[in-house]
């Protein structure tokens, strides 16, 4: 069609070091949203797991937003009205019935602008959207918790507080404070472990606060490590937090490790 450009889109997912994750099972689904200068236009239909195509006026300045692993069981993705801006289009955390927030899937994101200069006189333009992780990974473990708080057979749990219950299509977290409750296991000795789970990342000036509960009783809150540094969860990285109760002053050990590192053996 005269004046119409055809785009062939391909999506990839990479880790923090740029390693391609597209074919190893990490990326389970992808969705692409089309915006123009007036706001949201439509979603781009898929032609398979990672291939999309669409046509649009050559003179339009467009923005493509790709999300990887966007799933309704952890995020509320309400229908976006035409004309909605990137800033006003949002994903929202889901909550358990008792009010805490459900940790995220392994979420990926890319935003790319395309315009007249890229497409003039070209048909079938190939564009690859490279998505990066938009979540932080956390795992939390206690040591000798029962020596401080007697284990009576009731399970312990964590609630992780941080900023942001929403993420807009610019890739920025906002909204009221979140309270994530990860799945956790209490062992026979009364220690509790939450294996890797995902949250919106936190940066400078937006620290984490971690509460330790025994059923509905809050036992302890941590906000800093042994060096009195605030706790953060950087995007695309895995942060392991060990809370050691054997000493009069509780020790907090933090390590940032490559994504997916198994085990949490920290020298105490």
Protein backbone atom coordinates (compact mmCIF):
# COMPACT_ATOMS: atom_id res chain seq x y z
CA UNK A 1 0.00 0.00 0.00
CA UNK A 2 1.26 3.46 -0.93
CA UNK A 3 2.68 5.28 2.09
CA UNK A 4 2.55 2.20 4.30
CA UNK A 5 5.64 0.56 5.78
CA UNK A 6 5.73 -3.12 6.63
CA UNK A 7 7.66 -4.14 9.74
CA UNK A 8 8.93 -7.59 10.62
CA UNK A 9 9.64 -7.79 14.35
CA UNK A 10 11.73 -10.29 16.27
CA UNK A 11 12.22 -10.41 20.02
CA UNK A 12 15.19 -11.57 22.05
CA UNK A 13 15.82 -11.72 25.79
CA UNK A 14 19.24 -11.13 27.32
CA UNK A 15 20.65 -11.19 30.85
CA UNK A 16 22.59 -8.43 32.61
CA UNK A 17 25.78 -9.48 30.77
CA UNK A 18 24.12 -9.51 27.35
CA UNK A 19 23.92 -13.31 27.09
CA UNK A 20 21.06 -14.47 24.87
CA UNK A 21 18.30 -16.23 26.85
CA UNK A 22 15.72 -16.47 24.08
CA UNK A 23 16.00 -20.18 23.36
CA UNK A 24 16.76 -21.63 26.80
CA UNK A 25 13.24 -21.63 28.25
CA UNK A 26 13.54 -18.43 30.30
CA UNK A 27 11.33 -16.47 27.90
CA UNK A 28 7.93 -18.16 27.81
CA UNK A 29 5.82 -15.53 26.08
CA UNK A 30 6.15 -12.06 24.59
CA UNK A 31 3.69 -9.24 23.92
CA UNK A 32 4.26 -6.09 21.85
CA UNK A 33 2.31 -2.85 22.26
CA UNK A 34 2.29 -0.14 19.58
CA UNK A 35 2.19 3.57 20.47
CA UNK A 36 2.30 6.67 18.26
CA UNK A 37 2.64 10.34 19.20
CA UNK A 38 -1.00 10.42 20.30
CA UNK A 39 -0.67 7.38 22.58
CA UNK A 40 -1.57 3.68 22.51
CA UNK A 41 -2.66 2.30 19.13
CA UNK A 42 -2.97 -1.48 19.43
CA UNK A 43 -1.20 -4.70 20.26
CA UNK A 44 0.84 -6.38 17.53
CA UNK A 45 -0.36 -9.88 16.61
CA UNK A 46 2.15 -12.69 16.95
CA UNK A 47 3.33 -15.00 14.18
CA UNK A 48 4.88 -17.49 16.56
CA UNK A 49 6.79 -17.43 19.79
CA UNK A 50 9.06 -14.48 18.96
CA UNK A 51 8.06 -13.17 15.52
CA UNK A 52 5.57 -10.37 14.83
CA UNK A 53 4.63 -8.18 11.88
CA UNK A 54 2.49 -5.13 11.21
CA UNK A 55 1.96 -2.30 8.76
CA UNK A 56 1.73 1.43 9.56
CA UNK A 57 1.95 4.79 7.85
CA UNK A 58 5.58 5.57 6.91
CA UNK A 59 5.33 9.09 8.28
CA UNK A 60 4.26 7.99 11.76
CA UNK A 61 6.72 8.21 14.63
CA UNK A 62 6.12 5.01 16.55
CA UNK A 63 7.15 3.46 19.83
CA UNK A 64 7.17 -0.28 20.39
CA UNK A 65 7.02 -1.70 23.91
CA UNK A 66 7.78 -5.38 24.34
CA UNK A 67 7.12 -7.31 27.54
CA UNK A 68 8.40 -10.82 28.15
CA UNK A 69 6.63 -13.23 30.53
CA UNK A 70 3.76 -10.85 31.21
CA UNK A 71 1.28 -13.09 33.03
CA UNK A 72 -2.09 -12.36 34.57
CA UNK A 73 -1.47 -14.53 37.64
CA UNK A 74 1.02 -12.01 39.09
CA UNK A 75 0.21 -8.73 37.32
CA UNK A 76 -3.01 -6.90 36.49
CA UNK A 77 -2.87 -5.93 32.83
CA UNK A 78 -6.09 -4.01 32.30
CA UNK A 79 -7.12 -3.16 28.75
CA UNK A 80 -5.36 -0.01 27.56
CA UNK A 81 -7.61 2.59 25.97
CA UNK A 82 -6.51 4.04 22.61
CA UNK A 83 -4.59 7.28 23.12
CA UNK A 84 -3.20 6.29 26.54
CA UNK A 85 0.35 7.58 26.98
CA UNK A 86 3.37 5.42 27.84
CA UNK A 87 3.40 7.00 31.29
CA UNK A 88 -0.27 6.31 31.95
CA UNK A 89 -0.27 2.72 30.66
CA UNK A 90 0.52 0.60 33.73
CA UNK A 91 0.95 -2.89 35.08
CA UNK A 92 -0.20 -3.46 38.66
CA UNK A 93 0.85 -6.03 41.24
CA UNK A 94 -1.70 -8.63 42.26
CA UNK A 95 -2.52 -9.24 45.90
CA UNK A 96 -3.31 -12.30 47.96
CA UNK A 97 -6.73 -12.26 49.60
CA UNK A 98 -5.10 -11.26 52.92
CA UNK A 99 -3.55 -8.17 51.32
CA UNK A 100 0.14 -8.88 50.69
CA UNK A 101 1.50 -8.76 47.13
CA UNK A 102 2.33 -11.73 44.91
CA UNK A 103 5.95 -11.84 43.64
CA UNK A 104 6.43 -11.32 39.91
CA UNK A 105 7.27 -13.65 37.07
CA UNK A 106 10.71 -13.29 35.43
CA UNK A 107 9.66 -10.12 33.60
CA UNK A 108 11.55 -8.67 30.59
CA UNK A 109 11.10 -5.31 28.85
CA UNK A 110 12.19 -3.29 25.82
CA UNK A 111 11.11 0.09 24.47
CA UNK A 112 12.17 1.18 21.00
CA UNK A 113 11.26 4.19 18.92
CA UNK A 114 11.03 3.99 15.14
CA UNK A 115 10.38 6.91 12.84
CA UNK A 116 10.22 8.25 9.32
CA UNK A 117 13.99 8.46 8.97
CA UNK A 118 14.33 4.71 9.51
CA UNK A 119 11.68 3.60 7.05
CA UNK A 120 11.47 6.03 4.12
CA UNK A 121 11.12 4.03 0.93
CA UNK A 122 11.66 0.71 2.68
CA UNK A 123 9.29 -2.22 2.73
CA UNK A 124 9.57 -5.17 5.07
CA UNK A 125 11.86 -3.44 7.57
CA UNK A 126 13.35 -5.96 10.03
CA UNK A 127 13.54 -4.83 13.66
CA UNK A 128 14.86 -6.83 16.59
CA UNK A 129 13.66 -5.88 20.06
CA UNK A 130 16.17 -6.90 22.71
CA UNK A 131 14.44 -7.28 26.07
CA UNK A 132 16.26 -7.05 29.38
CA UNK A 133 15.13 -8.13 32.84
CA UNK A 134 12.90 -5.64 34.62
CA UNK A 135 12.87 -7.46 37.95
CA UNK A 136 15.26 -8.01 40.82
CA UNK A 137 15.83 -11.45 42.31
CA UNK A 138 15.81 -12.05 46.07
CA UNK A 139 16.32 -15.05 48.33
CA UNK A 140 16.17 -14.85 52.11
CA UNK A 141 17.26 -17.30 54.81
CA UNK A 142 17.36 -17.24 58.61
CA UNK A 143 19.92 -18.99 60.83
CA UNK A 144 19.24 -19.96 64.46
CA UNK A 145 15.89 -18.16 64.42
CA UNK A 146 14.43 -20.54 67.03
CA UNK A 147 17.15 -19.56 69.52
CA UNK A 148 15.69 -16.06 69.55
CA UNK A 149 12.02 -16.85 68.89
CA UNK A 150 10.94 -20.27 70.14
CA UNK A 151 9.68 -22.53 67.37
CA UNK A 152 6.21 -23.81 68.32
CA UNK A 153 5.42 -25.60 65.07
CA UNK A 154 3.81 -22.57 63.40
CA UNK A 155 5.36 -21.62 60.09
CA UNK A 156 7.43 -18.47 59.71
CA UNK A 157 7.16 -16.16 56.72
CA UNK A 158 8.69 -13.01 55.23
CA UNK A 159 7.09 -9.82 53.99
CA UNK A 160 9.34 -7.60 51.86
CA UNK A 161 8.37 -3.92 51.76
CA UNK A 162 9.57 -1.57 49.02
CA UNK A 163 8.36 1.21 46.79
CA UNK A 164 6.14 0.58 43.79
CA UNK A 165 2.98 -1.43 43.19
CA UNK A 166 2.87 -0.39 39.52
CA UNK A 167 5.16 -0.19 36.52
CA UNK A 168 4.41 2.07 33.57
CA UNK A 169 5.30 1.47 29.92
CA UNK A 170 8.36 3.70 30.31
CA UNK A 171 9.71 0.95 32.57
CA UNK A 172 9.45 2.97 35.79
CA UNK A 173 7.98 1.71 39.06
CA UNK A 174 5.51 3.91 40.94
CA UNK A 175 2.54 3.71 43.25
CA UNK A 176 2.19 2.99 46.94
CA UNK A 177 4.50 0.73 48.90
CA UNK A 178 4.46 -2.97 48.03
CA UNK A 179 4.51 -5.80 50.54
CA UNK A 180 5.65 -8.97 48.77
CA UNK A 181 5.07 -12.31 50.47
CA UNK A 182 7.26 -14.98 48.84
CA UNK A 183 6.70 -18.70 49.16
CA UNK A 184 8.85 -20.01 52.01
CA UNK A 185 9.69 -23.19 53.87
CA UNK A 186 10.22 -23.61 57.62
CA UNK A 187 12.57 -26.50 58.44
CA UNK A 188 12.57 -28.83 61.46
CA UNK A 189 14.94 -26.54 63.37
CA UNK A 190 12.64 -23.55 62.94
CA UNK A 191 14.59 -21.69 60.26
CA UNK A 192 12.77 -20.24 57.29
CA UNK A 193 13.98 -20.00 53.70
CA UNK A 194 12.44 -18.16 50.75
CA UNK A 195 14.08 -19.36 47.51
CA UNK A 196 14.55 -17.01 44.57
CA UNK A 197 11.57 -14.75 43.92
CA UNK A 198 11.12 -11.59 41.84
CA UNK A 199 10.17 -8.02 42.75
CA UNK A 200 10.29 -4.62 41.08
CA UNK A 201 13.89 -3.41 41.49
CA UNK A 202 14.86 -0.79 44.05
CA UNK A 203 17.52 1.87 43.67
CA UNK A 204 19.27 4.55 45.67
CA UNK A 205 16.90 6.12 48.17
CA UNK A 206 14.39 3.28 47.82
CA UNK A 207 15.59 0.61 50.31
CA UNK A 208 13.98 -2.68 51.23
CA UNK A 209 12.46 -3.50 54.60
CA UNK A 210 12.07 -7.17 55.51
CA UNK A 211 9.69 -8.36 58.25
CA UNK A 212 9.95 -11.83 59.79
CA UNK A 213 6.59 -13.22 60.95
CA UNK A 214 5.47 -16.25 62.91
CA UNK A 215 1.99 -16.73 61.55
CA UNK A 216 0.46 -13.25 62.12
CA UNK A 217 2.97 -12.11 64.75
CA UNK A 218 5.73 -9.80 63.54
CA UNK A 219 8.97 -10.89 65.21
CA UNK A 220 11.72 -8.80 63.68
CA UNK A 221 12.40 -6.18 60.99
CA UNK A 222 15.64 -5.61 59.07
CA UNK A 223 16.49 -2.56 57.00
CA UNK A 224 20.33 -2.59 56.87
CA UNK A 225 23.24 -5.00 56.55
CA UNK A 226 26.19 -5.45 58.94
CA UNK A 227 27.87 -2.33 57.55
CA UNK A 228 24.70 -0.33 58.25
CA UNK A 229 24.06 0.02 54.54
CA UNK A 230 20.40 0.07 53.39
CA UNK A 231 19.16 -3.06 51.63
CA UNK A 232 18.60 -2.79 47.88
CA UNK A 233 17.51 -5.15 45.11
CA UNK A 234 19.25 -4.15 41.84
CA UNK A 235 17.58 -4.86 38.52
CA UNK A 236 18.67 -8.02 36.69
CA UNK A 237 20.68 -9.35 39.63
CA UNK A 238 20.08 -11.84 42.42
CA UNK A 239 20.49 -10.69 46.02
CA UNK A 240 20.83 -13.28 48.77
CA UNK A 241 20.12 -12.16 52.33
CA UNK A 242 21.07 -14.25 55.38
CA UNK A 243 19.73 -13.23 58.80
CA UNK A 244 21.73 -14.81 61.65
CA UNK A 245 20.11 -14.74 65.11
CA UNK A 246 22.79 -16.60 67.09
CA UNK A 247 24.42 -13.42 68.38
CA UNK A 248 23.08 -10.74 70.72
CA UNK A 249 23.20 -8.37 67.77
CA UNK A 250 21.53 -9.91 64.74
CA UNK A 251 23.90 -10.24 61.77
CA UNK A 252 22.71 -9.50 58.23
CA UNK A 253 24.84 -10.92 55.40
CA UNK A 254 24.12 -9.74 51.85
CA UNK A 255 25.61 -11.08 48.63
CA UNK A 256 24.82 -10.12 45.04
CA UNK A 257 25.40 -13.10 42.73
CA UNK A 258 24.76 -14.08 39.10
CA UNK A 259 21.11 -14.72 38.31
CA UNK A 260 19.93 -18.23 39.14
CA UNK A 261 22.86 -19.12 41.43
CA UNK A 262 21.74 -22.13 43.47
CA UNK A 263 22.44 -22.28 47.18
CA UNK A 264 22.93 -19.65 49.80
CA UNK A 265 25.95 -20.73 51.82
CA UNK A 266 27.33 -17.62 53.45
CA UNK A 267 30.27 -17.70 55.83
CA UNK A 268 28.93 -16.77 59.27
